[in-house]
N, C-alpha and C. Protein backbone atom coordinates (compact mmCIF):
# COMPACT_ATOMS: atom_id res chain seq x y z
N MET A 1 14.19 1.12 -53.60
CA MET A 1 13.24 0.77 -52.45
C MET A 1 12.40 -0.46 -52.67
N PRO A 2 12.48 -1.24 -51.35
CA PRO A 2 11.75 -2.40 -51.51
C PRO A 2 10.41 -2.54 -51.64
N PRO A 3 9.73 -3.43 -52.59
CA PRO A 3 8.26 -3.45 -52.71
C PRO A 3 7.36 -3.69 -51.30
N THR A 4 6.64 -2.91 -51.16
CA THR A 4 5.54 -3.16 -49.94
C THR A 4 4.50 -4.00 -50.18
N ILE A 5 4.32 -4.31 -49.04
CA ILE A 5 2.91 -5.25 -48.90
C ILE A 5 2.18 -5.11 -47.78
N THR A 6 0.79 -4.77 -48.39
CA THR A 6 -0.37 -4.60 -47.18
C THR A 6 -0.93 -5.73 -46.64
N ARG A 7 -1.22 -5.94 -45.53
CA ARG A 7 -1.79 -7.23 -45.11
C ARG A 7 -3.24 -6.76 -44.44
N LEU A 8 -4.45 -7.48 -44.73
CA LEU A 8 -5.45 -7.15 -44.37
C LEU A 8 -6.29 -8.32 -43.41
N ASN A 9 -6.95 -8.08 -42.57
CA ASN A 9 -7.64 -8.92 -41.85
C ASN A 9 -9.16 -8.31 -41.43
N PRO A 10 -9.79 -8.11 -42.82
CA PRO A 10 -11.23 -7.26 -42.45
C PRO A 10 -11.97 -8.02 -41.34
N PRO A 11 -12.98 -7.14 -40.69
CA PRO A 11 -13.88 -7.72 -39.54
C PRO A 11 -14.75 -8.74 -40.02
N ALA A 12 -15.15 -8.71 -41.52
CA ALA A 12 -16.01 -9.76 -41.89
C ALA A 12 -15.70 -11.01 -41.93
N LEU A 13 -14.25 -11.26 -41.78
CA LEU A 13 -13.52 -12.47 -42.02
C LEU A 13 -12.90 -12.88 -40.62
N PRO A 14 -12.66 -14.16 -40.33
CA PRO A 14 -11.87 -14.52 -39.24
C PRO A 14 -10.58 -13.83 -38.98
N ASP A 15 -10.06 -13.25 -37.73
CA ASP A 15 -8.66 -12.78 -37.52
C ASP A 15 -7.60 -13.83 -37.58
N SER A 16 -7.03 -14.02 -38.62
CA SER A 16 -6.12 -14.97 -38.51
C SER A 16 -4.38 -14.62 -38.16
N SER A 17 -4.52 -13.04 -37.84
CA SER A 17 -3.35 -12.72 -37.39
C SER A 17 -2.58 -13.58 -36.41
N SER A 18 -3.25 -14.01 -35.19
CA SER A 18 -2.59 -14.74 -34.31
C SER A 18 -2.23 -16.24 -34.76
N ILE A 19 -2.59 -16.77 -35.62
CA ILE A 19 -2.29 -17.78 -36.50
C ILE A 19 -1.07 -17.56 -37.25
N GLY A 20 -0.91 -16.32 -37.70
CA GLY A 20 0.37 -16.40 -38.43
C GLY A 20 0.18 -15.92 -40.00
N TYR A 21 -0.85 -15.50 -40.48
CA TYR A 21 -1.27 -15.29 -41.53
C TYR A 21 -2.51 -14.21 -41.64
N ALA A 22 -2.47 -13.52 -43.02
CA ALA A 22 -3.47 -12.46 -43.38
C ALA A 22 -4.47 -13.09 -44.21
N GLN A 23 -5.62 -12.69 -43.94
CA GLN A 23 -6.72 -13.08 -44.97
C GLN A 23 -6.41 -12.48 -46.52
N ILE A 24 -6.13 -11.10 -46.49
CA ILE A 24 -5.58 -10.72 -47.67
C ILE A 24 -4.46 -10.12 -47.60
N SER A 25 -3.65 -10.30 -48.78
CA SER A 25 -2.13 -9.35 -48.99
C SER A 25 -2.29 -8.79 -50.39
N ILE A 26 -1.99 -7.28 -50.19
CA ILE A 26 -1.84 -6.78 -51.32
C ILE A 26 -0.56 -6.34 -52.02
N ALA A 27 -0.30 -6.80 -52.82
CA ALA A 27 1.12 -6.49 -53.24
C ALA A 27 1.33 -5.12 -53.88
N GLY A 28 2.79 -4.70 -53.91
CA GLY A 28 3.02 -3.59 -54.49
C GLY A 28 2.28 -2.24 -54.24
N SER A 29 1.85 -1.38 -55.13
CA SER A 29 1.13 -0.43 -54.65
C SER A 29 -0.32 -0.62 -54.79
N GLY A 30 -0.84 -2.08 -54.46
CA GLY A 30 -2.19 -2.18 -54.37
C GLY A 30 -2.83 -2.67 -55.50
N ARG A 31 -2.08 -3.61 -56.47
CA ARG A 31 -2.58 -3.95 -57.76
C ARG A 31 -3.12 -5.13 -57.60
N ILE A 32 -2.36 -6.26 -56.92
CA ILE A 32 -2.95 -7.73 -56.84
C ILE A 32 -3.08 -8.02 -55.25
N ALA A 33 -4.30 -8.58 -55.13
CA ALA A 33 -4.40 -8.84 -53.57
C ALA A 33 -4.49 -10.47 -53.75
N PHE A 34 -3.89 -10.97 -52.59
CA PHE A 34 -3.94 -12.55 -52.63
C PHE A 34 -4.68 -12.99 -51.22
N VAL A 35 -5.83 -13.39 -51.68
CA VAL A 35 -6.58 -13.75 -50.42
C VAL A 35 -6.55 -15.02 -50.04
N SER A 36 -6.21 -15.49 -48.69
CA SER A 36 -5.97 -16.64 -48.26
C SER A 36 -7.23 -17.71 -48.39
N GLY A 37 -6.95 -18.98 -48.24
CA GLY A 37 -7.69 -19.74 -48.47
C GLY A 37 -9.12 -19.71 -47.25
N GLN A 38 -10.14 -19.61 -47.93
CA GLN A 38 -11.40 -19.26 -47.07
C GLN A 38 -12.14 -20.81 -46.78
N VAL A 39 -12.48 -21.02 -45.55
CA VAL A 39 -13.12 -22.34 -45.37
C VAL A 39 -14.48 -21.94 -44.47
N ALA A 40 -15.22 -23.02 -44.38
CA ALA A 40 -16.38 -22.66 -43.62
C ALA A 40 -16.29 -22.77 -42.00
N GLY A 41 -17.20 -21.82 -41.68
CA GLY A 41 -17.04 -21.75 -40.09
C GLY A 41 -17.73 -22.99 -39.43
N ALA A 42 -17.65 -23.22 -38.03
CA ALA A 42 -18.06 -24.24 -37.37
C ALA A 42 -19.60 -24.68 -37.62
N GLU A 43 -20.35 -23.72 -37.75
CA GLU A 43 -21.99 -24.01 -37.99
C GLU A 43 -22.15 -24.84 -39.25
N ALA A 44 -21.36 -24.20 -40.30
CA ALA A 44 -21.36 -24.83 -41.77
C ALA A 44 -20.94 -26.25 -41.60
N VAL A 45 -19.80 -26.19 -40.80
CA VAL A 45 -19.11 -27.72 -40.62
C VAL A 45 -19.84 -28.72 -40.42
N GLU A 46 -20.61 -28.28 -39.37
CA GLU A 46 -21.79 -29.26 -38.60
C GLU A 46 -22.81 -29.75 -39.81
N LYS A 47 -23.00 -28.91 -40.83
CA LYS A 47 -24.25 -29.10 -41.51
C LYS A 47 -23.73 -29.93 -42.92
N GLY A 48 -22.37 -30.05 -43.14
CA GLY A 48 -22.11 -30.78 -44.33
C GLY A 48 -21.65 -29.99 -45.35
N PHE A 49 -21.19 -30.99 -46.50
CA PHE A 49 -20.75 -30.20 -47.84
C PHE A 49 -21.36 -29.17 -48.32
N ASP A 50 -22.74 -29.29 -48.42
CA ASP A 50 -23.54 -28.09 -49.20
C ASP A 50 -23.29 -26.74 -48.24
N ALA A 51 -23.38 -26.79 -46.91
CA ALA A 51 -23.35 -25.90 -46.19
C ALA A 51 -21.88 -25.21 -46.21
N GLN A 52 -20.97 -26.22 -46.58
CA GLN A 52 -19.93 -25.47 -46.39
C GLN A 52 -19.31 -24.80 -47.67
N VAL A 53 -19.66 -25.23 -48.80
CA VAL A 53 -19.77 -24.60 -49.98
C VAL A 53 -20.49 -23.33 -49.83
N ALA A 54 -21.55 -23.20 -49.33
CA ALA A 54 -22.26 -22.01 -49.56
C ALA A 54 -21.55 -20.87 -48.60
N ASP A 55 -21.07 -21.29 -47.44
CA ASP A 55 -20.13 -20.46 -46.16
C ASP A 55 -18.94 -19.89 -47.02
N VAL A 56 -18.13 -20.84 -47.83
CA VAL A 56 -16.98 -20.30 -48.35
C VAL A 56 -17.18 -19.39 -49.58
N MET A 57 -18.39 -19.41 -50.05
CA MET A 57 -18.59 -18.48 -51.38
C MET A 57 -18.99 -17.20 -50.39
N THR A 58 -19.70 -17.24 -49.61
CA THR A 58 -19.99 -16.08 -48.59
C THR A 58 -18.65 -15.50 -48.25
N ARG A 59 -17.96 -16.12 -47.54
CA ARG A 59 -16.38 -15.51 -47.15
C ARG A 59 -15.93 -14.96 -48.13
N ALA A 60 -15.79 -15.46 -49.42
CA ALA A 60 -15.05 -15.32 -50.30
C ALA A 60 -15.49 -13.65 -50.95
N ALA A 61 -17.16 -13.67 -50.94
CA ALA A 61 -17.69 -12.54 -51.14
C ALA A 61 -17.26 -11.25 -50.25
N ALA A 62 -17.00 -11.66 -49.09
CA ALA A 62 -16.59 -10.57 -47.85
C ALA A 62 -15.40 -10.10 -48.22
N ALA A 63 -14.38 -11.24 -48.57
CA ALA A 63 -12.98 -10.74 -48.90
C ALA A 63 -13.13 -9.58 -50.19
N LEU A 64 -13.95 -9.94 -51.21
CA LEU A 64 -13.88 -9.15 -52.30
C LEU A 64 -14.55 -7.71 -52.01
N GLU A 65 -15.52 -7.85 -51.22
CA GLU A 65 -16.21 -6.24 -50.56
C GLU A 65 -15.28 -5.58 -49.88
N ALA A 66 -14.12 -6.23 -49.25
CA ALA A 66 -13.52 -5.32 -48.38
C ALA A 66 -12.31 -4.82 -49.38
N LEU A 67 -11.93 -5.65 -50.39
CA LEU A 67 -11.19 -5.06 -51.33
C LEU A 67 -11.69 -3.91 -52.27
N GLN A 68 -13.09 -4.00 -52.25
CA GLN A 68 -13.80 -3.09 -53.14
C GLN A 68 -13.89 -3.55 -54.40
N ALA A 69 -13.82 -4.96 -54.43
CA ALA A 69 -13.67 -5.61 -55.79
C ALA A 69 -14.63 -6.51 -55.97
N ASN A 70 -15.14 -7.11 -57.26
CA ASN A 70 -16.17 -8.02 -57.38
C ASN A 70 -15.84 -9.25 -58.29
N PRO A 71 -16.30 -10.02 -58.67
CA PRO A 71 -16.02 -11.36 -59.29
C PRO A 71 -15.13 -11.08 -60.63
N GLU A 72 -15.58 -10.15 -61.32
CA GLU A 72 -14.80 -9.91 -62.74
C GLU A 72 -13.31 -9.62 -62.24
N ASP A 73 -13.18 -9.02 -61.02
CA ASP A 73 -11.48 -8.76 -60.62
C ASP A 73 -10.88 -9.90 -60.47
N ILE A 74 -11.35 -11.06 -60.28
CA ILE A 74 -10.46 -12.16 -59.84
C ILE A 74 -9.52 -12.71 -61.07
N LEU A 75 -8.47 -12.67 -60.55
CA LEU A 75 -7.56 -13.23 -61.77
C LEU A 75 -7.54 -14.83 -61.57
N ILE A 76 -7.52 -15.42 -60.48
CA ILE A 76 -7.58 -16.89 -60.35
C ILE A 76 -7.98 -17.26 -58.90
N ALA A 77 -8.93 -18.39 -59.05
CA ALA A 77 -9.20 -19.08 -57.67
C ALA A 77 -8.89 -20.33 -57.90
N ARG A 78 -8.40 -20.79 -56.62
CA ARG A 78 -8.14 -22.15 -56.01
C ARG A 78 -9.07 -22.77 -55.47
N ILE A 79 -9.49 -23.74 -55.68
CA ILE A 79 -10.57 -24.38 -54.73
C ILE A 79 -10.21 -25.85 -54.48
N TYR A 80 -10.09 -26.38 -53.42
CA TYR A 80 -9.62 -27.56 -52.77
C TYR A 80 -10.59 -28.50 -52.09
N VAL A 81 -10.74 -29.50 -52.66
CA VAL A 81 -12.02 -30.33 -52.03
C VAL A 81 -11.59 -31.62 -51.52
N VAL A 82 -11.91 -31.91 -50.39
CA VAL A 82 -11.67 -33.18 -49.82
C VAL A 82 -12.51 -34.31 -50.37
N ASP A 83 -12.03 -35.28 -50.88
CA ASP A 83 -12.53 -36.42 -51.42
C ASP A 83 -13.33 -36.02 -52.74
N LEU A 84 -12.73 -35.33 -53.58
CA LEU A 84 -13.07 -34.90 -54.90
C LEU A 84 -13.93 -36.00 -55.60
N ASP A 85 -14.99 -35.95 -56.09
CA ASP A 85 -15.57 -36.77 -57.04
C ASP A 85 -16.60 -36.08 -57.93
N GLU A 86 -17.35 -36.83 -58.81
CA GLU A 86 -18.16 -35.89 -59.81
C GLU A 86 -19.08 -35.15 -59.12
N ALA A 87 -19.99 -35.70 -58.04
CA ALA A 87 -20.81 -35.12 -57.42
C ALA A 87 -20.16 -33.73 -56.61
N ARG A 88 -19.28 -33.97 -56.08
CA ARG A 88 -18.74 -32.53 -55.16
C ARG A 88 -18.16 -31.78 -56.19
N LEU A 89 -17.44 -32.00 -57.42
CA LEU A 89 -17.38 -31.16 -58.33
C LEU A 89 -18.37 -30.48 -58.84
N GLY A 90 -19.47 -31.11 -59.02
CA GLY A 90 -20.52 -30.28 -59.89
C GLY A 90 -20.89 -29.43 -58.70
N GLN A 91 -21.26 -29.66 -57.65
CA GLN A 91 -21.76 -28.64 -56.51
C GLN A 91 -20.99 -27.61 -56.51
N THR A 92 -19.58 -27.52 -56.43
CA THR A 92 -18.81 -26.82 -56.22
C THR A 92 -18.55 -25.87 -57.37
N ILE A 93 -18.66 -26.49 -58.71
CA ILE A 93 -18.88 -25.86 -59.87
C ILE A 93 -20.01 -24.91 -60.16
N THR A 94 -20.93 -25.52 -59.57
CA THR A 94 -22.47 -24.78 -59.84
C THR A 94 -22.30 -23.53 -58.77
N ALA A 95 -21.83 -23.55 -57.54
CA ALA A 95 -21.90 -22.70 -56.71
C ALA A 95 -20.86 -21.51 -56.91
N PHE A 96 -19.54 -21.97 -57.52
CA PHE A 96 -18.53 -20.80 -57.84
C PHE A 96 -19.24 -20.11 -59.10
N LYS A 97 -20.07 -20.79 -60.04
CA LYS A 97 -20.52 -20.02 -61.17
C LYS A 97 -21.63 -18.98 -60.68
N THR A 98 -22.25 -19.40 -59.68
CA THR A 98 -23.36 -18.54 -59.12
C THR A 98 -22.65 -17.44 -58.43
N PHE A 99 -21.56 -17.79 -57.73
CA PHE A 99 -20.91 -16.56 -57.16
C PHE A 99 -20.29 -15.79 -57.85
N CYS A 100 -19.86 -15.99 -59.03
CA CYS A 100 -19.10 -15.27 -59.99
C CYS A 100 -20.06 -14.41 -60.81
N ASN A 101 -21.41 -14.75 -60.87
CA ASN A 101 -22.13 -14.00 -61.22
C ASN A 101 -21.91 -13.59 -62.92
N GLY A 102 -21.44 -14.54 -63.86
CA GLY A 102 -21.22 -14.24 -65.28
C GLY A 102 -19.77 -14.06 -65.69
N ALA A 103 -18.89 -13.87 -64.65
CA ALA A 103 -17.45 -13.49 -64.38
C ALA A 103 -16.92 -14.86 -64.94
N THR A 104 -15.76 -14.84 -65.62
CA THR A 104 -15.14 -16.12 -65.79
C THR A 104 -13.65 -16.06 -65.47
N PRO A 105 -13.46 -16.02 -64.27
CA PRO A 105 -11.90 -16.05 -63.83
C PRO A 105 -11.20 -17.26 -64.06
N SER A 106 -9.89 -17.36 -64.08
CA SER A 106 -9.24 -18.41 -64.05
C SER A 106 -9.54 -18.99 -62.68
N LEU A 107 -9.40 -20.54 -62.90
CA LEU A 107 -9.92 -21.61 -61.83
C LEU A 107 -9.07 -23.08 -61.75
N THR A 108 -8.53 -23.25 -60.49
CA THR A 108 -8.08 -24.40 -60.38
C THR A 108 -8.83 -25.20 -59.40
N GLY A 109 -8.88 -26.49 -59.69
CA GLY A 109 -9.51 -27.33 -58.74
C GLY A 109 -8.75 -28.48 -58.37
N VAL A 110 -8.73 -28.58 -56.79
CA VAL A 110 -7.74 -29.59 -56.48
C VAL A 110 -8.33 -30.59 -55.54
N GLY A 111 -8.52 -31.83 -55.65
CA GLY A 111 -8.72 -32.85 -54.79
C GLY A 111 -7.82 -33.20 -53.88
N VAL A 112 -8.09 -33.21 -52.54
CA VAL A 112 -7.18 -33.11 -51.41
C VAL A 112 -7.61 -34.42 -50.60
N ALA A 113 -6.68 -34.73 -49.87
CA ALA A 113 -6.88 -35.69 -48.49
C ALA A 113 -7.64 -35.23 -47.29
N ALA A 114 -7.00 -33.87 -46.92
CA ALA A 114 -7.67 -33.34 -45.77
C ALA A 114 -7.21 -31.66 -45.89
N LEU A 115 -7.88 -30.97 -45.09
CA LEU A 115 -7.62 -29.79 -45.28
C LEU A 115 -7.02 -29.20 -43.62
N ALA A 116 -6.83 -28.06 -43.47
CA ALA A 116 -6.26 -27.59 -42.26
C ALA A 116 -7.04 -28.06 -40.53
N GLY A 117 -8.22 -28.28 -40.63
CA GLY A 117 -8.86 -28.32 -39.59
C GLY A 117 -9.91 -29.34 -39.74
N PRO A 118 -10.25 -30.15 -38.48
CA PRO A 118 -11.16 -31.35 -38.49
C PRO A 118 -12.55 -30.98 -39.17
N GLY A 119 -13.07 -31.86 -40.17
CA GLY A 119 -14.43 -31.60 -40.75
C GLY A 119 -14.58 -30.82 -41.94
N LEU A 120 -13.15 -29.91 -42.38
CA LEU A 120 -13.22 -28.98 -43.28
C LEU A 120 -13.13 -29.83 -44.50
N LEU A 121 -14.17 -29.61 -45.52
CA LEU A 121 -14.06 -30.03 -46.76
C LEU A 121 -13.97 -29.35 -48.00
N ILE A 122 -13.87 -28.12 -47.88
CA ILE A 122 -13.76 -27.16 -49.16
C ILE A 122 -13.11 -25.77 -48.50
N GLU A 123 -12.04 -25.39 -49.59
CA GLU A 123 -11.29 -24.18 -49.28
C GLU A 123 -11.28 -23.50 -50.71
N MET A 124 -11.32 -22.02 -50.56
CA MET A 124 -11.03 -21.61 -51.86
C MET A 124 -10.08 -20.15 -51.47
N GLU A 125 -9.16 -19.92 -52.20
CA GLU A 125 -8.16 -18.69 -52.23
C GLU A 125 -8.28 -18.15 -53.60
N MET A 126 -8.03 -17.14 -53.61
CA MET A 126 -8.01 -15.78 -54.82
C MET A 126 -6.76 -14.95 -54.83
N GLN A 127 -6.62 -14.73 -56.16
CA GLN A 127 -5.80 -13.63 -56.53
C GLN A 127 -6.64 -12.59 -57.10
N VAL A 128 -6.47 -11.24 -56.62
CA VAL A 128 -7.52 -10.44 -57.42
C VAL A 128 -6.83 -9.03 -57.67
N LEU A 129 -7.47 -8.40 -58.89
CA LEU A 129 -6.72 -7.29 -59.34
C LEU A 129 -7.85 -6.03 -58.59
N VAL A 130 -6.78 -5.30 -57.89
CA VAL A 130 -7.60 -4.18 -57.09
C VAL A 130 -7.07 -2.76 -57.73
N SER A 131 -7.61 -1.76 -57.34
CA SER A 131 -7.41 -0.45 -57.79
C SER A 131 -6.19 -0.07 -56.90
N ALA A 132 -5.41 0.69 -57.78
CA ALA A 132 -4.22 1.30 -57.11
C ALA A 132 -4.41 2.46 -55.96
């Protein structure tokens, strides 16, 4: 029997089904969820990097809520930052630590030249352990 994958686009996150991807993919019988990269909304993009970081963390929290999970359940997070430097790295890590509230998931940070939309400066994806 082939493995099943459940795809979710919870109402608190943008509906990406028309673009061709799900915000959350749950593998097998619901043990690991793959959360697509979360980026800031248009209002945060207009306000700059700090606002985008905060919005991305809010969206990541919404994804965890949709999974009935919390930061302790994150297996790994990957954060992509445009024009990564010491200042942006520091802001990102500080926000991520606050978001994790003491949890210490694996983390990969990647400096990139650009993201998928104009003005986007940060994106975070996660793999999350969820109840079966």
